PDB file of N, CA and C in Angstrom:
ATOM      1  N   MET A   1      -7.926  -6.351 -10.559  1.00  0.00           N
ATOM      2  CA  MET A   1      -8.531  -4.994 -10.394  1.00  0.00           C
ATOM      3  C   MET A   1      -7.463  -3.584 -10.277  1.00  0.00           C
ATOM      4  N   LEU A   2      -8.077  -2.802 -11.813  1.00  0.00           N
ATOM      5  CA  LEU A   2      -7.236  -1.359 -11.553  1.00  0.00           C
ATOM      6  C   LEU A   2      -7.570  -0.618 -10.304  1.00  0.00           C
ATOM      7  N   VAL A   3      -6.494   0.007 -10.213  1.00  0.00           N
ATOM      8  CA  VAL A   3      -6.389   0.852  -8.691  1.00  0.00           C
ATOM      9  C   VAL A   3      -5.193   1.679  -9.241  1.00  0.00           C
ATOM     10  N   LYS A   4      -5.536   3.244  -8.618  1.00  0.00           N
ATOM     11  CA  LYS A   4      -4.732   4.193  -9.077  1.00  0.00           C
ATOM     12  C   LYS A   4      -4.427   4.794  -7.520  1.00  0.00           C
ATOM     13  N   VAL A   5      -2.972   4.431  -7.323  1.00  0.00           N
ATOM     14  CA  VAL A   5      -1.836   4.306  -6.294  1.00  0.00           C
ATOM     15  C   VAL A   5      -1.409   5.537  -6.532  1.00  0.00           C
ATOM     16  N   ALA A   6      -1.129   6.786  -5.544  1.00  0.00           N
ATOM     17  CA  ALA A   6      -1.264   7.787  -5.850  1.00  0.00           C
ATOM     18  C   ALA A   6       0.031   8.312  -4.595  1.00  0.00           C
ATOM     19  N   ASN A   7       0.616   9.498  -4.320  1.00  0.00           N
ATOM     20  CA  ASN A   7       1.589   9.853  -3.399  1.00  0.00           C
ATOM     21  C   ASN A   7       1.107  10.958  -2.992  1.00  0.00           C
ATOM     22  N   PRO A   8       0.421  10.980  -1.188  1.00  0.00           N
ATOM     23  CA  PRO A   8      -0.877  11.871  -0.914  1.00  0.00           C
ATOM     24  C   PRO A   8      -0.036  13.589  -0.932  1.00  0.00           C
ATOM     25  N   GLU A   9       1.054  13.331  -1.131  1.00  0.00           N
ATOM     26  CA  GLU A   9       2.521  14.820  -0.922  1.00  0.00           C
ATOM     27  C   GLU A   9       2.056  15.385  -2.469  1.00  0.00           C
ATOM     28  N   THR A  10       2.306  14.974  -3.235  1.00  0.00           N
ATOM     29  CA  THR A  10       3.231  15.065  -4.785  1.00  0.00           C
ATOM     30  C   THR A  10       2.000  14.854  -5.602  1.00  0.00           C
ATOM     31  N   GLY A  11       0.633  14.086  -5.643  1.00  0.00           N
ATOM     32  CA  GLY A  11       0.068  14.173  -6.363  1.00  0.00           C
ATOM     33  C   GLY A  11       0.317  12.602  -7.528  1.00  0.00           C
ATOM     34  N   LYS A  12       1.661  12.684  -7.722  1.00  0.00           N
ATOM     35  CA  LYS A  12       1.917  11.831  -8.687  1.00  0.00           C
ATOM     36  C   LYS A  12       1.434  10.370  -7.921  1.00  0.00           C
ATOM     37  N   SER A  13       0.766   9.152  -9.495  1.00  0.00           N
ATOM     38  CA  SER A  13      -0.006   8.277  -9.009  1.00  0.00           C
ATOM     39  C   SER A  13       1.048   7.716 -10.705  1.00  0.00           C
ATOM     40  N   ILE A  14       0.066   6.482 -10.526  1.00  0.00           N
ATOM     41  CA  ILE A  14       0.237   5.289 -11.022  1.00  0.00           C
ATOM     42  C   ILE A  14      -0.812   4.316 -10.863  1.00  0.00           C
ATOM     43  N   THR A  15      -1.283   3.854 -12.192  1.00  0.00           N
ATOM     44  CA  THR A  15      -2.292   2.809 -12.017  1.00  0.00           C
ATOM     45  C   THR A  15      -1.260   1.744 -12.442  1.00  0.00           C
ATOM     46  N   VAL A  16      -2.750   0.394 -11.498  1.00  0.00           N
ATOM     47  CA  VAL A  16      -1.661  -0.940 -11.055  1.00  0.00           C
ATOM     48  C   VAL A  16      -2.595  -1.787 -11.442  1.00  0.00           C
ATOM     49  N   ASP A  17      -2.270  -2.797 -12.065  1.00  0.00           N
ATOM     50  CA  ASP A  17      -3.590  -4.037 -11.645  1.00  0.00           C
ATOM     51  C   ASP A  17      -3.277  -4.753 -10.050  1.00  0.00           C
ATOM     52  N   ALA A  18      -3.873  -4.207  -9.253  1.00  0.00           N
ATOM     53  CA  ALA A  18      -3.937  -5.612  -7.721  1.00  0.00           C
ATOM     54  C   ALA A  18      -5.140  -6.168  -7.514  1.00  0.00           C
ATOM     55  N   LYS A  19      -4.921  -7.035  -6.096  1.00  0.00           N
ATOM     56  CA  LYS A  19      -5.321  -7.743  -5.730  1.00  0.00           C
ATOM     57  C   LYS A  19      -5.564  -7.722  -4.575  1.00  0.00           C
ATOM     58  N   PRO A  20      -6.899  -7.993  -3.780  1.00  0.00           N
ATOM     59  CA  PRO A  20      -7.401  -7.798  -2.345  1.00  0.00           C
ATOM     60  C   PRO A  20      -6.548  -9.280  -2.109  1.00  0.00           C
ATOM     61  N   GLY A  21      -6.409  -9.125  -0.702  1.00  0.00           N
ATOM     62  CA  GLY A  21      -6.020 -10.494  -0.056  1.00  0.00           C
ATOM     63  C   GLY A  21      -4.881 -10.531   1.339  1.00  0.00           C
ATOM     64  N   SER A  22      -5.079  -9.477   1.993  1.00  0.00           N
ATOM     65  CA  SER A  22      -4.443  -9.194   2.814  1.00  0.00           C
ATOM     66  C   SER A  22      -5.370  -7.729   4.038  1.00  0.00           C
ATOM     67  N   ILE A  23      -3.666  -7.983   4.889  1.00  0.00           N
ATOM     68  CA  ILE A  23      -5.052  -7.199   6.417  1.00  0.00           C
ATOM     69  C   ILE A  23      -4.850  -5.939   5.539  1.00  0.00           C
ATOM     70  N   HIS A  24      -3.107  -5.603   5.721  1.00  0.00           N
ATOM     71  CA  HIS A  24      -2.429  -4.667   5.687  1.00  0.00           C
ATOM     72  C   HIS A  24      -2.551  -4.120   3.963  1.00  0.00           C
ATOM     73  N   THR A  25      -2.495  -3.143   3.663  1.00  0.00           N
ATOM     74  CA  THR A  25      -1.959  -2.986   1.709  1.00  0.00           C
ATOM     75  C   THR A  25      -0.593  -2.900   1.536  1.00  0.00           C
ATOM     76  N   VAL A  26      -0.118  -3.399   0.688  1.00  0.00           N
ATOM     77  CA  VAL A  26       1.149  -3.833   0.704  1.00  0.00           C
ATOM     78  C   VAL A  26       1.301  -3.935  -1.101  1.00  0.00           C
ATOM     79  N   ILE A  27       2.361  -2.456  -0.855  1.00  0.00           N
ATOM     80  CA  ILE A  27       3.017  -2.118  -2.182  1.00  0.00           C
ATOM     81  C   ILE A  27       4.457  -2.830  -2.501  1.00  0.00           C
ATOM     82  N   PRO A  28       5.159  -3.121  -3.411  1.00  0.00           N
ATOM     83  CA  PRO A  28       6.637  -3.141  -3.833  1.00  0.00           C
ATOM     84  C   PRO A  28       7.542  -1.967  -3.616  1.00  0.00           C
ATOM     85  N   ALA A  29       8.675  -2.070  -3.569  1.00  0.00           N
ATOM     86  CA  ALA A  29       9.675  -1.188  -2.828  1.00  0.00           C
ATOM     87  C   ALA A  29       9.654  -0.099  -4.213  1.00  0.00           C
ATOM     88  N   ASP A  30       9.795  -0.628  -5.370  1.00  0.00           N
ATOM     89  CA  ASP A  30       9.901  -0.226  -6.528  1.00  0.00           C
ATOM     90  C   ASP A  30       8.953   0.606  -6.668  1.00  0.00           C
ATOM     91  N   LEU A  31       7.624   0.390  -6.307  1.00  0.00           N
ATOM     92  CA  LEU A  31       6.337   0.990  -7.133  1.00  0.00           C
ATOM     93  C   LEU A  31       6.909   2.554  -5.873  1.00  0.00           C
ATOM     94  N   ALA A  32       7.225   2.678  -4.353  1.00  0.00           N
ATOM     95  CA  ALA A  32       7.160   3.298  -3.724  1.00  0.00           C
ATOM     96  C   ALA A  32       8.370   4.331  -4.413  1.00  0.00           C
ATOM     97  N   TYR A  33       9.405   4.037  -4.520  1.00  0.00           N
ATOM     98  CA  TYR A  33      10.182   4.523  -4.704  1.00  0.00           C
ATOM     99  C   TYR A  33       9.986   5.249  -6.520  1.00  0.00           C
ATOM    100  N   ARG A  34       9.213   4.729  -7.349  1.00  0.00           N
ATOM    101  CA  ARG A  34       8.980   5.900  -8.348  1.00  0.00           C
ATOM    102  C   ARG A  34       7.843   7.024  -8.130  1.00  0.00           C
ATOM    103  N   LEU A  35       6.834   6.592  -7.179  1.00  0.00           N
ATOM    104  CA  LEU A  35       6.035   7.738  -6.648  1.00  0.00           C
ATOM    105  C   LEU A  35       6.819   8.640  -5.818  1.00  0.00           C
ATOM    106  N   GLY A  36       7.766   8.069  -5.453  1.00  0.00           N
ATOM    107  CA  GLY A  36       8.394   9.161  -4.194  1.00  0.00           C
ATOM    108  C   GLY A  36       8.393   9.138  -2.787  1.00  0.00           C
ATOM    109  N   LEU A  37       7.556   7.952  -2.800  1.00  0.00           N
ATOM    110  CA  LEU A  37       6.817   7.722  -0.845  1.00  0.00           C
ATOM    111  C   LEU A  37       8.221   7.658   0.139  1.00  0.00           C
ATOM    112  N   ARG A  38       8.015   8.155   1.110  1.00  0.00           N
ATOM    113  CA  ARG A  38       9.165   7.972   2.031  1.00  0.00           C
ATOM    114  C   ARG A  38       8.397   7.078   3.369  1.00  0.00           C
ATOM    115  N   PRO A  39       9.875   6.125   4.167  1.00  0.00           N
ATOM    116  CA  PRO A  39       9.070   5.795   4.845  1.00  0.00           C
ATOM    117  C   PRO A  39       8.775   6.368   5.944  1.00  0.00           C
ATOM    118  N   ARG A  40       7.782   6.335   7.079  1.00  0.00           N
ATOM    119  CA  ARG A  40       7.418   7.169   7.809  1.00  0.00           C
ATOM    120  C   ARG A  40       7.618   6.796   9.334  1.00  0.00           C
ATOM    121  N   GLY A  41       7.551   5.088   8.799  1.00  0.00           N
ATOM    122  CA  GLY A  41       7.839   4.536  10.869  1.00  0.00           C
ATOM    123  C   GLY A  41       8.352   3.089  10.061  1.00  0.00           C
ATOM    124  N   LYS A  42       8.256   2.163  11.334  1.00  0.00           N
ATOM    125  CA  LYS A  42       8.471   0.860  11.119  1.00  0.00           C
ATOM    126  C   LYS A  42       6.589   0.365  11.429  1.00  0.00           C
ATOM    127  N   MET A  43       6.041  -0.612  10.911  1.00  0.00           N
ATOM    128  CA  MET A  43       4.854  -1.336  11.248  1.00  0.00           C
ATOM    129  C   MET A  43       5.027  -2.869  12.457  1.00  0.00           C
ATOM    130  N   ALA A  44       4.745  -3.493  12.900  1.00  0.00           N
ATOM    131  CA  ALA A  44       5.069  -4.868  13.730  1.00  0.00           C
ATOM    132  C   ALA A  44       3.754  -5.496  12.422  1.00  0.00           C
ATOM    133  N   ILE A  45       4.041  -6.743  11.903  1.00  0.00           N
ATOM    134  CA  ILE A  45       3.313  -7.618  11.156  1.00  0.00           C
ATOM    135  C   ILE A  45       3.468  -8.938  12.027  1.00  0.00           C
ATOM    136  N   GLY A  46       2.351  -9.690  12.001  1.00  0.00           N
ATOM    137  CA  GLY A  46       1.846 -11.143  12.345  1.00  0.00           C
ATOM    138  C   GLY A  46       2.453 -11.763  11.114  1.00  0.00           C
ATOM    139  N   THR A  47       4.035 -13.136  11.568  1.00  0.00           N
ATOM    140  CA  THR A  47       3.494 -13.976  10.613  1.00  0.00           C
ATOM    141  C   THR A  47       3.859 -15.024  11.143  1.00  0.00           C
ATOM    142  N   SER A  48       3.347 -16.586  10.642  1.00  0.00           N
ATOM    143  CA  SER A  48       2.848 -17.467  11.390  1.00  0.00           C
ATOM    144  C   SER A  48       3.906 -18.117  12.462  1.00  0.00           C
ATOM    145  N   CYS A  49       5.122 -17.657  12.146  1.00  0.00           N
ATOM    146  CA  CYS A  49       5.930 -17.718  12.904  1.00  0.00           C
ATOM    147  C   CYS A  49       6.638 -16.216  14.657  1.00  0.00           C
ATOM    148  N   ASN A  50       6.430 -15.599  13.916  1.00  0.00           N
ATOM    149  CA  ASN A  50       6.818 -14.075  14.491  1.00  0.00           C
ATOM    150  C   ASN A  50       6.134 -13.019  14.136  1.00  0.00           C
ATOM    151  N   VAL A  51       7.062 -12.133  14.915  1.00  0.00           N
ATOM    152  CA  VAL A  51       6.650 -10.091  14.763  1.00  0.00           C
ATOM    153  C   VAL A  51       7.267 -10.281  14.035  1.00  0.00           C
ATOM    154  N   ILE A  52       7.846  -9.470  12.821  1.00  0.00           N
ATOM    155  CA  ILE A  52       8.705  -8.892  11.737  1.00  0.00           C
ATOM    156  C   ILE A  52       7.970  -6.962  12.194  1.00  0.00           C
ATOM    157  N   TYR A  53       9.318  -6.548  11.690  1.00  0.00           N
ATOM    158  CA  TYR A  53       9.093  -4.755  11.444  1.00  0.00           C
ATOM    159  C   TYR A  53       9.626  -3.971  10.286  1.00  0.00           C
ATOM    160  N   VAL A  54       8.641  -3.982   9.656  1.00  0.00           N
ATOM    161  CA  VAL A  54       8.528  -3.050   8.250  1.00  0.00           C
ATOM    162  C   VAL A  54       8.255  -1.711   8.388  1.00  0.00           C
ATOM    163  N   ASP A  55       8.829  -0.890   7.239  1.00  0.00           N
ATOM    164  CA  ASP A  55       8.538   0.447   6.520  1.00  0.00           C
ATOM    165  C   ASP A  55       7.068   0.228   6.017  1.00  0.00           C
ATOM    166  N   TYR A  56       6.662   1.273   6.325  1.00  0.00           N
ATOM    167  CA  TYR A  56       5.347   1.753   5.896  1.00  0.00           C
ATOM    168  C   TYR A  56       5.025   3.199   5.649  1.00  0.00           C
ATOM    169  N   VAL A  57       4.316   2.945   4.407  1.00  0.00           N
ATOM    170  CA  VAL A  57       4.521   4.909   3.776  1.00  0.00           C
ATOM    171  C   VAL A  57       2.898   4.928   3.515  1.00  0.00           C
ATOM    172  N   LEU A  58       2.463   6.462   3.591  1.00  0.00           N
ATOM    173  CA  LEU A  58       1.430   6.635   3.302  1.00  0.00           C
ATOM    174  C   LEU A  58       1.375   6.846   2.107  1.00  0.00           C
ATOM    175  N   VAL A  59      -0.125   6.324   1.689  1.00  0.00           N
ATOM    176  CA  VAL A  59      -0.689   6.267   0.407  1.00  0.00           C
ATOM    177  C   VAL A  59      -1.979   6.423   0.216  1.00  0.00           C
ATOM    178  N   GLU A  60      -2.193   7.143  -0.994  1.00  0.00           N
ATOM    179  CA  GLU A  60      -3.389   7.024  -1.379  1.00  0.00           C
ATOM    180  C   GLU A  60      -4.048   6.140  -2.062  1.00  0.00           C
ATOM    181  N   VAL A  61      -5.414   5.426  -2.457  1.00  0.00           N
ATOM    182  CA  VAL A  61      -5.593   4.317  -3.241  1.00  0.00           C
ATOM    183  C   VAL A  61      -7.092   4.603  -4.156  1.00  0.00           C
ATOM    184  N   GLU A  62      -7.197   4.456  -4.938  1.00  0.00           N
ATOM    185  CA  GLU A  62      -8.533   4.839  -5.680  1.00  0.00           C
ATOM    186  C   GLU A  62      -8.923   4.132  -6.520  1.00  0.00           C
ATOM    187  N   PHE A  63     -10.201   3.059  -6.200  1.00  0.00           N
ATOM    188  CA  PHE A  63     -10.949   2.106  -7.080  1.00  0.00           C
ATOM    189  C   PHE A  63     -12.202   2.218  -7.129  1.00  0.00           C
ATOM    190  N   ASN A  64     -12.744   2.138  -8.419  1.00  0.00           N
ATOM    191  CA  ASN A  64     -14.335   2.286  -8.609  1.00  0.00           C
ATOM    192  C   ASN A  64     -14.838   3.871  -8.157  1.00  0.00           C
ATOM    193  N   GLY A  65     -14.292   4.865  -8.723  1.00  0.00           N
ATOM    194  CA  GLY A  65     -14.383   6.530  -7.899  1.00  0.00           C
ATOM    195  C   GLY A  65     -14.425   6.275  -6.890  1.00  0.00           C
ATOM    196  N   ARG A  66     -13.836   5.477  -5.698  1.00  0.00           N
ATOM    197  CA  ARG A  66     -13.625   5.464  -4.062  1.00  0.00           C
ATOM    198  C   ARG A  66     -11.747   5.851  -3.560  1.00  0.00           C
ATOM    199  N   LYS A  67     -11.816   6.520  -2.652  1.00  0.00           N
ATOM    200  CA  LYS A  67     -10.367   6.885  -2.645  1.00  0.00           C
ATOM    201  C   LYS A  67     -10.395   6.809  -1.021  1.00  0.00           C
ATOM    202  N   ALA A  68      -9.054   5.769  -0.504  1.00  0.00           N
ATOM    203  CA  ALA A  68      -8.789   5.774   0.979  1.00  0.00           C
ATOM    204  C   ALA A  68      -7.665   6.261   1.795  1.00  0.00           C
ATOM    205  N   LEU A  69      -6.903   6.665   2.697  1.00  0.00           N
ATOM    206  CA  LEU A  69      -5.695   6.975   3.258  1.00  0.00           C
ATOM    207  C   LEU A  69      -5.349   6.060   3.570  1.00  0.00           C
ATOM    208  N   VAL A  70      -3.909   4.870   3.134  1.00  0.00           N
ATOM    209  CA  VAL A  70      -3.786   3.958   4.078  1.00  0.00           C
ATOM    210  C   VAL A  70      -2.048   4.294   4.431  1.00  0.00           C
ATOM    211  N   LYS A  71      -1.946   3.283   5.278  1.00  0.00           N
ATOM    212  CA  LYS A  71      -0.406   3.058   5.632  1.00  0.00           C
ATOM    213  C   LYS A  71      -0.249   2.000   4.656  1.00  0.00           C
ATOM    214  N   ALA A  72       0.156   1.832   3.974  1.00  0.00           N
ATOM    215  CA  ALA A  72       1.004   0.606   3.166  1.00  0.00           C
ATOM    216  C   ALA A  72       2.112   0.060   3.477  1.00  0.00           C
ATOM    217  N   VAL A  73       1.978  -1.385   3.635  1.00  0.00           N
ATOM    218  CA  VAL A  73       3.871  -2.006   4.291  1.00  0.00           C
ATOM    219  C   VAL A  73       4.740  -1.687   3.375  1.00  0.00           C
ATOM    220  N   VAL A  74       5.275  -2.010   2.690  1.00  0.00           N
ATOM    221  CA  VAL A  74       6.377  -1.507   1.784  1.00  0.00           C
ATOM    222  C   VAL A  74       7.346  -3.007   1.751  1.00  0.00           C
ATOM    223  N   SER A  75       7.230  -3.882   0.576  1.00  0.00           N
ATOM    224  CA  SER A  75       7.763  -5.177   0.282  1.00  0.00           C
ATOM    225  C   SER A  75       8.490  -4.875  -0.710  1.00  0.00           C
ATOM    226  N   LEU A  76       9.671  -5.951  -0.332  1.00  0.00           N
ATOM    227  CA  LEU A  76      11.372  -6.423  -1.040  1.00  0.00           C
ATOM    228  C   LEU A  76      10.630  -7.191  -1.545  1.00  0.00           C
ATOM    229  N   ASP A  77       9.875  -8.137  -1.280  1.00  0.00           N
ATOM    230  CA  ASP A  77       9.814  -9.469  -1.709  1.00  0.00           C
ATOM    231  C   ASP A  77       8.775  -9.581  -2.843  1.00  0.00           C
ATOM    232  N   SER A  78       7.441  -8.777  -2.767  1.00  0.00           N
ATOM    233  CA  SER A  78       6.571  -8.768  -3.603  1.00  0.00           C
ATOM    234  C   SER A  78       6.637  -8.101  -5.157  1.00  0.00           C
ATOM    235  N   SER A  79       6.372  -8.126  -6.105  1.00  0.00           N
ATOM    236  CA  SER A  79       5.714  -7.593  -7.060  1.00  0.00           C
ATOM    237  C   SER A  79       4.798  -6.913  -7.635  1.00  0.00           C
ATOM    238  N   GLU A  80       3.524  -7.150  -6.963  1.00  0.00           N
ATOM    239  CA  GLU A  80       2.446  -6.966  -6.695  1.00  0.00           C
ATOM    240  C   GLU A  80       1.788  -5.916  -5.616  1.00  0.00           C
ATOM    241  N   VAL A  81       0.712  -5.106  -5.778  1.00  0.00           N
ATOM    242  CA  VAL A  81       0.301  -4.376  -5.376  1.00  0.00           C
ATOM    243  C   VAL A  81      -0.896  -5.037  -4.472  1.00  0.00           C
ATOM    244  N   ILE A  82      -1.204  -5.499  -3.312  1.00  0.00           N
ATOM    245  CA  ILE A  82      -2.088  -6.475  -2.527  1.00  0.00           C
ATOM    246  C   ILE A  82      -2.745  -5.190  -1.266  1.00  0.00           C
ATOM    247  N   LEU A  83      -4.485  -5.218  -2.044  1.00  0.00           N
ATOM    248  CA  LEU A  83      -5.520  -4.289  -1.211  1.00  0.00           C
ATOM    249  C   LEU A  83      -5.035  -4.978  -0.332  1.00  0.00           C
ATOM    250  N   GLY A  84      -5.269  -4.767   1.015  1.00  0.00           N
ATOM    251  CA  GLY A  84      -5.884  -4.882   2.420  1.00  0.00           C
ATOM    252  C   GLY A  84      -7.332  -4.729   2.606  1.00  0.00           C
ATOM    253  N   LEU A  85      -7.859  -5.216   4.158  1.00  0.00           N
ATOM    254  CA  LEU A  85      -8.648  -4.754   4.965  1.00  0.00           C
ATOM    255  C   LEU A  85      -9.035  -2.919   4.859  1.00  0.00           C
ATOM    256  N   ASP A  86      -7.603  -2.501   5.093  1.00  0.00           N
ATOM    257  CA  ASP A  86      -7.492  -1.056   5.715  1.00  0.00           C
ATOM    258  C   ASP A  86      -8.150  -0.325   4.326  1.00  0.00           C
ATOM    259  N   VAL A  87      -7.850  -0.752   2.990  1.00  0.00           N
ATOM    260  CA  VAL A  87      -8.497  -0.155   1.311  1.00  0.00           C
ATOM    261  C   VAL A  87     -10.175  -0.490   1.501  1.00  0.00           C
ATOM    262  N   LEU A  88     -10.232  -1.481   1.644  1.00  0.00           N
ATOM    263  CA  LEU A  88     -11.518  -2.568   1.352  1.00  0.00           C
ATOM    264  C   LEU A  88     -12.751  -1.936   2.406  1.00  0.00           C
ATOM    265  N   ASN A  89     -12.048  -1.159   3.837  1.00  0.00           N
ATOM    266  CA  ASN A  89     -13.251  -0.803   4.539  1.00  0.00           C
ATOM    267  C   ASN A  89     -12.891   0.507   4.996  1.00  0.00           C
ATOM    268  N   GLY A  90     -12.101   0.768   3.795  1.00  0.00           N
ATOM    269  CA  GLY A  90     -11.821   2.757   4.558  1.00  0.00           C
ATOM    270  C   GLY A  90     -12.299   3.457   3.041  1.00  0.00           C
ATOM    271  N   VAL A  91     -12.865   3.119   1.933  1.00  0.00           N
ATOM    272  CA  VAL A  91     -13.161   3.735   0.809  1.00  0.00           C
ATOM    273  C   VAL A  91     -14.073   4.293   1.387  1.00  0.00           C
ATOM    274  N   HIS A  92     -13.979   5.961   0.741  1.00  0.00           N
ATOM    275  CA  HIS A  92     -14.627   6.675   1.194  1.00  0.00           C
ATOM    276  C   HIS A  92     -15.274   8.191  -0.542  1.00  0.00           C
TER     277      HIS A  92
END
């Protein structure tokens, strides 16, 4: 599904192909860099073995004409945007 991912402070945005499938929205580190998003802090994420702490950014996600402002996990491992329940439940 095509979604627009934007920096809520500057309005700079990029349209990407994203897929649902996570509790939290995940964006690749290179996309966060291109949008000028700065880490806001650390977020605890539970894995199958333990809890890890990862950087998060505030990002605006828009699809189907609806927008949501969410905390997105910044991933060094993924090259895909993964929409979380935070977006799917929070669009308005």
